[in-house]
Amino acid sequence: MHLSLLEILWITIVSMGIVFVMLTILMFLMQGSSKVIQILEAKSHPTAGVVGKPVEVKPEAPTNDGTLFETNKLARVAALVALTKASADVPDKHFEIVSIEKKVD
């Protein structure tokens, strides 16, 4: 089969056009199904967007002033080891050190 350069170019352009149209249709189908799912979820959870009563926020506990870190070089290592141990079961949690106490035996 001998095809001229113009025929090959025409086949290429038509094929690319068909792929573009099919991908565009697929994109609109996905967007449409997303909208339908959002509408169905909004109907099944009617109180999802309702704002409740204001909640009173308690003031934060005072934080450590850092004197233990300055006097004991191993205190920072101990705090990091404790945080690593605490976050072993919950990897995506955010932890904050509120206070550090040194216990003497």
C-alpha atoms as a PDB file:
ATOM      1  CA  MET A   1       0.000   0.000   0.000  1.00  0.00           C
ATOM      2  CA  HIS A   2       1.469   3.310  -1.076  1.00  0.00           C
ATOM      3  CA  LEU A   3       0.119   6.411   0.606  1.00  0.00           C
ATOM      4  CA  SER A   4       1.108   9.894  -0.292  1.00  0.00           C
ATOM      5  CA  LEU A   5       2.370  12.364   2.294  1.00  0.00           C
ATOM      6  CA  LEU A   6      -0.897  14.331   2.146  1.00  0.00           C
ATOM      7  CA  GLU A   7      -2.965  11.203   2.808  1.00  0.00           C
ATOM      8  CA  ILE A   8      -0.782  10.316   5.811  1.00  0.00           C
ATOM      9  CA  LEU A   9      -1.099  13.868   7.134  1.00  0.00           C
ATOM     10  CA  TRP A  10      -4.880  13.790   6.643  1.00  0.00           C
ATOM     11  CA  ILE A  11      -5.194  10.440   8.496  1.00  0.00           C
ATOM     12  CA  THR A  12      -3.050  11.793  11.338  1.00  0.00           C
ATOM     13  CA  ILE A  13      -5.108  14.973  11.730  1.00  0.00           C
ATOM     14  CA  VAL A  14      -8.431  13.097  11.621  1.00  0.00           C
ATOM     15  CA  SER A  15      -7.190  10.526  14.164  1.00  0.00           C
ATOM     16  CA  MET A  16      -5.958  13.238  16.510  1.00  0.00           C
ATOM     17  CA  GLY A  17      -9.291  15.046  16.153  1.00  0.00           C
ATOM     18  CA  ILE A  18     -11.219  11.889  17.052  1.00  0.00           C
ATOM     19  CA  VAL A  19      -9.043  11.332  20.124  1.00  0.00           C
ATOM     20  CA  PHE A  20      -9.491  14.978  21.174  1.00  0.00           C
ATOM     21  CA  VAL A  21     -13.280  14.771  20.829  1.00  0.00           C
ATOM     22  CA  MET A  22     -13.455  11.510  22.777  1.00  0.00           C
ATOM     23  CA  LEU A  23     -11.272  12.877  25.593  1.00  0.00           C
ATOM     24  CA  THR A  24     -13.393  16.034  25.750  1.00  0.00           C
ATOM     25  CA  ILE A  25     -16.573  13.958  26.010  1.00  0.00           C
ATOM     26  CA  LEU A  26     -14.964  11.839  28.733  1.00  0.00           C
ATOM     27  CA  MET A  27     -13.964  14.994  30.651  1.00  0.00           C
ATOM     28  CA  PHE A  28     -17.519  16.380  30.551  1.00  0.00           C
ATOM     29  CA  LEU A  29     -18.946  13.019  31.629  1.00  0.00           C
ATOM     30  CA  MET A  30     -16.634  12.958  34.644  1.00  0.00           C
ATOM     31  CA  GLN A  31     -17.504  16.546  35.592  1.00  0.00           C
ATOM     32  CA  GLY A  32     -21.209  15.822  35.204  1.00  0.00           C
ATOM     33  CA  SER A  33     -21.067  12.709  37.349  1.00  0.00           C
ATOM     34  CA  SER A  34     -19.142  14.680  39.989  1.00  0.00           C
ATOM     35  CA  LYS A  35     -21.894  17.326  40.087  1.00  0.00           C
ATOM     36  CA  VAL A  36     -24.588  14.655  40.353  1.00  0.00           C
ATOM     37  CA  ILE A  37     -22.775  12.963  43.240  1.00  0.00           C
ATOM     38  CA  GLN A  38     -22.363  16.300  45.048  1.00  0.00           C
ATOM     39  CA  ILE A  39     -26.080  17.022  44.677  1.00  0.00           C
ATOM     40  CA  LEU A  40     -27.027  13.558  45.960  1.00  0.00           C
ATOM     41  CA  GLU A  41     -24.679  13.872  48.948  1.00  0.00           C
ATOM     42  CA  ALA A  42     -26.091  17.327  49.752  1.00  0.00           C
ATOM     43  CA  LYS A  43     -29.616  15.890  49.744  1.00  0.00           C
ATOM     44  CA  SER A  44     -28.644  12.963  51.967  1.00  0.00           C
ATOM     45  CA  HIS A  45     -26.911  15.288  54.492  1.00  0.00           C
ATOM     46  CA  PRO A  46     -29.173  18.333  54.770  1.00  0.00           C
ATOM     47  CA  THR A  47     -27.370  19.764  57.830  1.00  0.00           C
ATOM     48  CA  ALA A  48     -23.906  19.620  56.282  1.00  0.00           C
ATOM     49  CA  GLY A  49     -23.728  23.350  55.567  1.00  0.00           C
ATOM     50  CA  VAL A  50     -25.570  24.585  58.663  1.00  0.00           C
ATOM     51  CA  VAL A  51     -23.488  26.496  61.176  1.00  0.00           C
ATOM     52  CA  GLY A  52     -24.151  25.597  64.802  1.00  0.00           C
ATOM     53  CA  LYS A  53     -23.833  27.547  68.019  1.00  0.00           C
ATOM     54  CA  PRO A  54     -20.565  29.356  68.641  1.00  0.00           C
ATOM     55  CA  VAL A  55     -18.129  27.362  70.723  1.00  0.00           C
ATOM     56  CA  GLU A  56     -16.181  28.976  73.531  1.00  0.00           C
ATOM     57  CA  VAL A  57     -12.451  28.527  73.025  1.00  0.00           C
ATOM     58  CA  LYS A  58     -10.372  27.911  76.128  1.00  0.00           C
ATOM     59  CA  PRO A  59      -7.111  29.805  76.436  1.00  0.00           C
ATOM     60  CA  GLU A  60      -3.979  27.818  75.678  1.00  0.00           C
ATOM     61  CA  ALA A  61      -1.915  26.355  78.455  1.00  0.00           C
ATOM     62  CA  PRO A  62       1.339  28.161  79.170  1.00  0.00           C
ATOM     63  CA  THR A  63       4.239  26.718  77.246  1.00  0.00           C
ATOM     64  CA  ASN A  64       7.664  25.789  78.501  1.00  0.00           C
ATOM     65  CA  ASP A  65      10.126  28.702  78.568  1.00  0.00           C
ATOM     66  CA  GLY A  66      12.984  26.551  77.294  1.00  0.00           C
ATOM     67  CA  THR A  67      15.135  26.579  80.428  1.00  0.00           C
ATOM     68  CA  LEU A  68      15.236  22.782  80.597  1.00  0.00           C
ATOM     69  CA  PHE A  69      16.634  22.658  77.068  1.00  0.00           C
ATOM     70  CA  GLU A  70      19.345  25.106  78.047  1.00  0.00           C
ATOM     71  CA  THR A  71      20.392  23.292  81.227  1.00  0.00           C
ATOM     72  CA  ASN A  72      20.122  19.695  79.998  1.00  0.00           C
ATOM     73  CA  LYS A  73      21.411  18.827  76.530  1.00  0.00           C
ATOM     74  CA  LEU A  74      19.579  15.489  76.480  1.00  0.00           C
ATOM     75  CA  ALA A  75      16.165  17.050  77.183  1.00  0.00           C
ATOM     76  CA  ARG A  76      15.593  17.886  73.512  1.00  0.00           C
ATOM     77  CA  VAL A  77      16.527  14.335  72.507  1.00  0.00           C
ATOM     78  CA  ALA A  78      14.171  12.932  75.136  1.00  0.00           C
ATOM     79  CA  ALA A  79      11.329  15.136  73.895  1.00  0.00           C
ATOM     80  CA  LEU A  80      11.900  14.094  70.276  1.00  0.00           C
ATOM     81  CA  VAL A  81      12.020  10.413  71.221  1.00  0.00           C
ATOM     82  CA  ALA A  82       8.766  10.827  73.167  1.00  0.00           C
ATOM     83  CA  LEU A  83       7.114  12.533  70.170  1.00  0.00           C
ATOM     84  CA  THR A  84       8.342   9.782  67.851  1.00  0.00           C
ATOM     85  CA  LYS A  85       6.943   7.122  70.151  1.00  0.00           C
ATOM     86  CA  ALA A  86       3.613   8.960  70.506  1.00  0.00           C
ATOM     87  CA  SER A  87       3.219   9.445  66.754  1.00  0.00           C
ATOM     88  CA  ALA A  88       4.097   5.863  65.791  1.00  0.00           C
ATOM     89  CA  ASP A  89       0.449   4.801  65.564  1.00  0.00           C
ATOM     90  CA  VAL A  90      -0.839   8.081  64.072  1.00  0.00           C
ATOM     91  CA  PRO A  91       1.591   9.305  61.385  1.00  0.00           C
ATOM     92  CA  ASP A  92      -0.455  12.268  60.094  1.00  0.00           C
ATOM     93  CA  LYS A  93      -1.199  13.871  63.470  1.00  0.00           C
ATOM     94  CA  HIS A  94       0.193  17.200  64.639  1.00  0.00           C
ATOM     95  CA  PHE A  95       1.795  17.124  68.081  1.00  0.00           C
ATOM     96  CA  GLU A  96       2.862  20.072  70.214  1.00  0.00           C
ATOM     97  CA  ILE A  97       4.999  19.960  73.343  1.00  0.00           C
ATOM     98  CA  VAL A  98       3.162  21.872  76.062  1.00  0.00           C
ATOM     99  CA  SER A  99       5.500  21.250  78.984  1.00  0.00           C
ATOM    100  CA  ILE A 100       8.520  19.174  79.897  1.00  0.00           C
ATOM    101  CA  GLU A 101       9.166  17.927  83.398  1.00  0.00           C
ATOM    102  CA  LYS A 102      12.279  16.165  84.585  1.00  0.00           C
ATOM    103  CA  LYS A 103      11.527  13.404  87.057  1.00  0.00           C
ATOM    104  CA  VAL A 104      14.279  12.517  89.484  1.00  0.00           C
ATOM    105  CA  ASP A 105      14.266   8.992  90.923  1.00  0.00           C
END
